[in-house]
Amino acid sequence: MKMEELKGWIDTQDGWDYQLDDKGIVIRNDRFETLTHATFEAVDANTLEAITASCSQGKDVDHITRVTGYFSRTSGWNKGKTGELKDRHRTKVV
């Protein structure tokens, strides 16, 4: 990937920003509150997908829960439903 392509992509994204330094680019991702530094060589050697994946720094996790026999992704739940999930008490069945 070329640095200009990466900068162009970041410019089109909400919550993303970058700053160039003498060794590469520092990418800010507001969603995950991360700062990621990529050297010029790393940008040239990787794809957009690989670079943007590193910007989440392992924080892009979708939780799944099982309720009454089926699985559901919690990322699609509203505020009230996620509150109920946090209030649940977990016990060990012996």
N, C-alpha and C. Protein backbone atom coordinates (compact mmCIF):
# COMPACT_ATOMS: atom_id res chain seq x y z
N MET A 1 0.85 -1.16 0.00
CA MET A 1 0.00 0.00 0.00
C MET A 1 0.90 1.23 0.00
N LYS A 2 0.44 2.27 -0.61
CA LYS A 2 1.19 3.53 -0.65
C LYS A 2 0.69 4.44 0.46
N MET A 3 1.59 5.26 0.99
CA MET A 3 1.26 6.18 2.07
C MET A 3 0.11 7.11 1.66
N GLU A 4 0.12 7.58 0.41
CA GLU A 4 -0.95 8.48 -0.05
C GLU A 4 -2.31 7.80 -0.03
N GLU A 5 -2.34 6.50 -0.36
CA GLU A 5 -3.60 5.75 -0.31
C GLU A 5 -4.11 5.66 1.13
N LEU A 6 -3.21 5.36 2.06
CA LEU A 6 -3.58 5.26 3.47
C LEU A 6 -4.10 6.59 3.98
N LYS A 7 -3.39 7.67 3.70
CA LYS A 7 -3.84 8.98 4.14
C LYS A 7 -5.20 9.33 3.54
N GLY A 8 -5.40 9.01 2.27
CA GLY A 8 -6.68 9.26 1.63
C GLY A 8 -7.81 8.50 2.27
N TRP A 9 -7.56 7.23 2.64
CA TRP A 9 -8.58 6.43 3.29
C TRP A 9 -8.91 7.00 4.67
N ILE A 10 -7.88 7.36 5.44
CA ILE A 10 -8.11 7.91 6.78
C ILE A 10 -8.91 9.20 6.70
N ASP A 11 -8.64 10.03 5.70
CA ASP A 11 -9.36 11.30 5.55
C ASP A 11 -10.85 11.10 5.33
N THR A 12 -11.26 9.94 4.82
CA THR A 12 -12.69 9.69 4.55
C THR A 12 -13.40 9.04 5.73
N GLN A 13 -12.68 8.71 6.79
CA GLN A 13 -13.26 7.98 7.92
C GLN A 13 -13.56 8.92 9.10
N ASP A 14 -14.74 8.77 9.69
CA ASP A 14 -15.06 9.50 10.91
C ASP A 14 -14.32 8.86 12.08
N GLY A 15 -13.74 9.67 12.94
CA GLY A 15 -13.08 9.15 14.13
C GLY A 15 -11.66 8.68 13.91
N TRP A 16 -11.12 8.90 12.71
CA TRP A 16 -9.74 8.53 12.41
C TRP A 16 -8.96 9.80 12.07
N ASP A 17 -7.70 9.82 12.45
CA ASP A 17 -6.84 10.95 12.11
C ASP A 17 -5.41 10.43 12.05
N TYR A 18 -4.53 11.22 11.47
CA TYR A 18 -3.13 10.80 11.38
C TYR A 18 -2.22 12.00 11.48
N GLN A 19 -0.99 11.72 11.80
CA GLN A 19 0.06 12.73 11.82
C GLN A 19 1.34 12.07 11.34
N LEU A 20 2.01 12.70 10.39
CA LEU A 20 3.28 12.17 9.88
C LEU A 20 4.42 12.62 10.77
N ASP A 21 5.40 11.76 10.94
CA ASP A 21 6.64 12.15 11.60
C ASP A 21 7.80 11.72 10.70
N ASP A 22 9.02 11.88 11.15
CA ASP A 22 10.16 11.57 10.29
C ASP A 22 10.37 10.08 10.05
N LYS A 23 9.70 9.21 10.83
CA LYS A 23 9.87 7.77 10.67
C LYS A 23 8.65 7.07 10.09
N GLY A 24 7.50 7.76 10.03
CA GLY A 24 6.30 7.11 9.52
C GLY A 24 5.05 7.91 9.81
N ILE A 25 4.01 7.20 10.20
CA ILE A 25 2.70 7.81 10.43
C ILE A 25 2.14 7.32 11.76
N VAL A 26 1.54 8.24 12.50
CA VAL A 26 0.85 7.90 13.74
C VAL A 26 -0.64 7.99 13.44
N ILE A 27 -1.35 6.89 13.64
CA ILE A 27 -2.78 6.82 13.32
C ILE A 27 -3.57 6.82 14.62
N ARG A 28 -4.55 7.74 14.71
CA ARG A 28 -5.41 7.83 15.89
C ARG A 28 -6.78 7.27 15.52
N ASN A 29 -7.28 6.37 16.36
CA ASN A 29 -8.59 5.76 16.17
C ASN A 29 -9.42 6.11 17.40
N ASP A 30 -10.40 7.01 17.24
CA ASP A 30 -11.21 7.46 18.38
C ASP A 30 -12.10 6.36 18.94
N ARG A 31 -12.59 5.46 18.09
CA ARG A 31 -13.50 4.41 18.56
C ARG A 31 -12.84 3.55 19.62
N PHE A 32 -11.58 3.18 19.39
CA PHE A 32 -10.87 2.33 20.33
C PHE A 32 -9.89 3.10 21.20
N GLU A 33 -9.83 4.40 21.01
CA GLU A 33 -8.92 5.27 21.76
C GLU A 33 -7.49 4.74 21.68
N THR A 34 -7.02 4.54 20.45
CA THR A 34 -5.68 4.01 20.23
C THR A 34 -4.84 4.95 19.38
N LEU A 35 -3.56 4.89 19.59
CA LEU A 35 -2.57 5.53 18.73
C LEU A 35 -1.64 4.42 18.24
N THR A 36 -1.47 4.33 16.93
CA THR A 36 -0.64 3.29 16.35
C THR A 36 0.39 3.94 15.44
N HIS A 37 1.65 3.58 15.61
CA HIS A 37 2.70 4.11 14.75
C HIS A 37 3.08 3.06 13.72
N ALA A 38 3.13 3.46 12.46
CA ALA A 38 3.57 2.57 11.39
C ALA A 38 4.71 3.26 10.65
N THR A 39 5.80 2.56 10.46
CA THR A 39 6.91 3.13 9.70
C THR A 39 6.53 3.18 8.23
N PHE A 40 7.28 3.95 7.47
CA PHE A 40 7.05 4.02 6.03
C PHE A 40 7.19 2.63 5.40
N GLU A 41 8.16 1.86 5.87
CA GLU A 41 8.38 0.51 5.35
C GLU A 41 7.19 -0.40 5.68
N ALA A 42 6.64 -0.27 6.87
CA ALA A 42 5.49 -1.10 7.26
C ALA A 42 4.27 -0.79 6.40
N VAL A 43 4.07 0.48 6.09
CA VAL A 43 2.93 0.86 5.24
C VAL A 43 3.11 0.27 3.85
N ASP A 44 4.32 0.36 3.31
CA ASP A 44 4.58 -0.19 1.98
C ASP A 44 4.41 -1.71 1.93
N ALA A 45 4.72 -2.39 3.02
CA ALA A 45 4.73 -3.85 3.03
C ALA A 45 3.37 -4.47 3.37
N ASN A 46 2.40 -3.68 3.84
CA ASN A 46 1.13 -4.24 4.31
C ASN A 46 -0.05 -3.72 3.53
N THR A 47 -1.19 -4.41 3.72
CA THR A 47 -2.44 -4.00 3.09
C THR A 47 -3.18 -3.04 4.02
N LEU A 48 -4.18 -2.38 3.47
CA LEU A 48 -5.02 -1.50 4.27
C LEU A 48 -5.68 -2.27 5.40
N GLU A 49 -6.15 -3.48 5.12
CA GLU A 49 -6.82 -4.29 6.13
C GLU A 49 -5.89 -4.61 7.29
N ALA A 50 -4.64 -4.94 6.98
CA ALA A 50 -3.68 -5.28 8.04
C ALA A 50 -3.34 -4.05 8.88
N ILE A 51 -3.19 -2.93 8.24
CA ILE A 51 -2.84 -1.70 8.98
C ILE A 51 -4.00 -1.26 9.86
N THR A 52 -5.22 -1.24 9.33
CA THR A 52 -6.36 -0.81 10.13
C THR A 52 -6.68 -1.80 11.24
N ALA A 53 -6.43 -3.10 11.01
CA ALA A 53 -6.65 -4.10 12.07
C ALA A 53 -5.70 -3.85 13.23
N SER A 54 -4.48 -3.45 12.94
CA SER A 54 -3.54 -3.19 14.03
C SER A 54 -3.94 -1.96 14.83
N CYS A 55 -4.74 -1.09 14.25
CA CYS A 55 -5.18 0.12 14.95
C CYS A 55 -6.22 -0.16 16.02
N SER A 56 -6.89 -1.31 15.97
CA SER A 56 -7.85 -1.65 17.02
C SER A 56 -7.14 -2.25 18.23
N GLN A 57 -5.92 -2.71 18.04
CA GLN A 57 -5.07 -3.26 19.10
C GLN A 57 -5.80 -4.31 19.94
N GLY A 58 -6.55 -5.18 19.27
CA GLY A 58 -7.23 -6.27 19.95
C GLY A 58 -8.52 -5.86 20.65
N LYS A 59 -8.97 -4.63 20.47
CA LYS A 59 -10.15 -4.15 21.17
C LYS A 59 -11.44 -4.34 20.37
N ASP A 60 -11.33 -4.78 19.13
CA ASP A 60 -12.50 -4.95 18.28
C ASP A 60 -13.07 -6.35 18.49
N VAL A 61 -13.73 -6.54 19.62
CA VAL A 61 -14.26 -7.84 20.00
C VAL A 61 -15.78 -7.76 20.08
N ASP A 62 -16.44 -8.70 19.45
CA ASP A 62 -17.89 -8.76 19.52
C ASP A 62 -18.25 -9.85 20.52
N HIS A 63 -18.97 -9.51 21.57
CA HIS A 63 -19.33 -10.48 22.59
C HIS A 63 -20.58 -11.23 22.14
N ILE A 64 -20.64 -12.48 22.51
CA ILE A 64 -21.79 -13.32 22.18
C ILE A 64 -22.32 -13.90 23.48
N THR A 65 -23.64 -13.95 23.60
CA THR A 65 -24.25 -14.52 24.79
C THR A 65 -25.28 -15.56 24.37
N ARG A 66 -25.56 -16.48 25.25
CA ARG A 66 -26.56 -17.51 24.99
C ARG A 66 -27.72 -17.32 25.94
N VAL A 67 -28.88 -17.09 25.37
CA VAL A 67 -30.08 -16.89 26.17
C VAL A 67 -31.16 -17.82 25.62
N THR A 68 -31.75 -18.59 26.47
CA THR A 68 -32.82 -19.55 26.13
C THR A 68 -32.51 -20.36 24.87
N GLY A 69 -31.29 -20.86 24.79
CA GLY A 69 -30.97 -21.81 23.75
C GLY A 69 -30.45 -21.25 22.44
N TYR A 70 -30.34 -19.95 22.28
CA TYR A 70 -29.79 -19.42 21.04
C TYR A 70 -28.71 -18.39 21.36
N PHE A 71 -27.83 -18.17 20.39
CA PHE A 71 -26.73 -17.24 20.57
C PHE A 71 -27.08 -15.90 19.93
N SER A 72 -26.63 -14.83 20.55
CA SER A 72 -26.93 -13.48 20.08
C SER A 72 -25.70 -12.60 20.26
N ARG A 73 -25.41 -11.77 19.27
CA ARG A 73 -24.32 -10.81 19.39
C ARG A 73 -24.79 -9.62 20.21
N THR A 74 -24.04 -9.27 21.21
CA THR A 74 -24.44 -8.17 22.09
C THR A 74 -24.18 -6.80 21.47
N SER A 75 -23.41 -6.75 20.39
CA SER A 75 -23.12 -5.45 19.76
C SER A 75 -24.37 -4.81 19.17
N GLY A 76 -25.39 -5.60 18.87
CA GLY A 76 -26.62 -5.07 18.30
C GLY A 76 -27.68 -4.73 19.33
N TRP A 77 -27.38 -4.93 20.60
CA TRP A 77 -28.36 -4.69 21.64
C TRP A 77 -28.48 -3.21 21.98
N ASN A 78 -29.66 -2.83 22.45
CA ASN A 78 -29.86 -1.44 22.87
C ASN A 78 -29.30 -1.25 24.29
N LYS A 79 -29.35 -0.01 24.76
CA LYS A 79 -28.76 0.35 26.05
C LYS A 79 -29.40 -0.43 27.21
N GLY A 80 -30.71 -0.60 27.17
CA GLY A 80 -31.40 -1.32 28.25
C GLY A 80 -31.02 -2.79 28.31
N LYS A 81 -30.92 -3.41 27.15
CA LYS A 81 -30.59 -4.83 27.10
C LYS A 81 -29.14 -5.06 27.57
N THR A 82 -28.20 -4.19 27.17
CA THR A 82 -26.83 -4.35 27.64
C THR A 82 -26.73 -4.10 29.15
N GLY A 83 -27.58 -3.22 29.67
CA GLY A 83 -27.62 -3.00 31.11
C GLY A 83 -28.08 -4.23 31.86
N GLU A 84 -29.11 -4.92 31.29
CA GLU A 84 -29.57 -6.17 31.89
C GLU A 84 -28.46 -7.22 31.92
N LEU A 85 -27.68 -7.28 30.83
CA LEU A 85 -26.59 -8.24 30.77
C LEU A 85 -25.57 -7.97 31.87
N LYS A 86 -25.25 -6.72 32.11
CA LYS A 86 -24.28 -6.37 33.14
C LYS A 86 -24.81 -6.69 34.54
N ASP A 87 -26.13 -6.63 34.73
CA ASP A 87 -26.74 -6.87 36.04
C ASP A 87 -26.94 -8.35 36.35
N ARG A 88 -26.75 -9.22 35.39
CA ARG A 88 -26.95 -10.65 35.63
C ARG A 88 -25.93 -11.18 36.62
N HIS A 89 -26.39 -12.09 37.44
CA HIS A 89 -25.52 -12.75 38.40
C HIS A 89 -25.15 -14.11 37.86
N ARG A 90 -23.87 -14.41 37.85
CA ARG A 90 -23.41 -15.70 37.35
C ARG A 90 -23.07 -16.60 38.53
N THR A 91 -23.58 -17.81 38.47
CA THR A 91 -23.30 -18.77 39.55
C THR A 91 -22.79 -20.06 38.93
N LYS A 92 -22.06 -20.80 39.70
CA LYS A 92 -21.55 -22.07 39.25
C LYS A 92 -22.55 -23.15 39.66
N VAL A 93 -22.96 -23.97 38.71
CA VAL A 93 -23.87 -25.07 38.97
C VAL A 93 -23.04 -26.28 39.31
N VAL A 94 -23.36 -26.89 40.45
CA VAL A 94 -22.58 -28.04 40.91
C VAL A 94 -23.35 -29.30 40.68
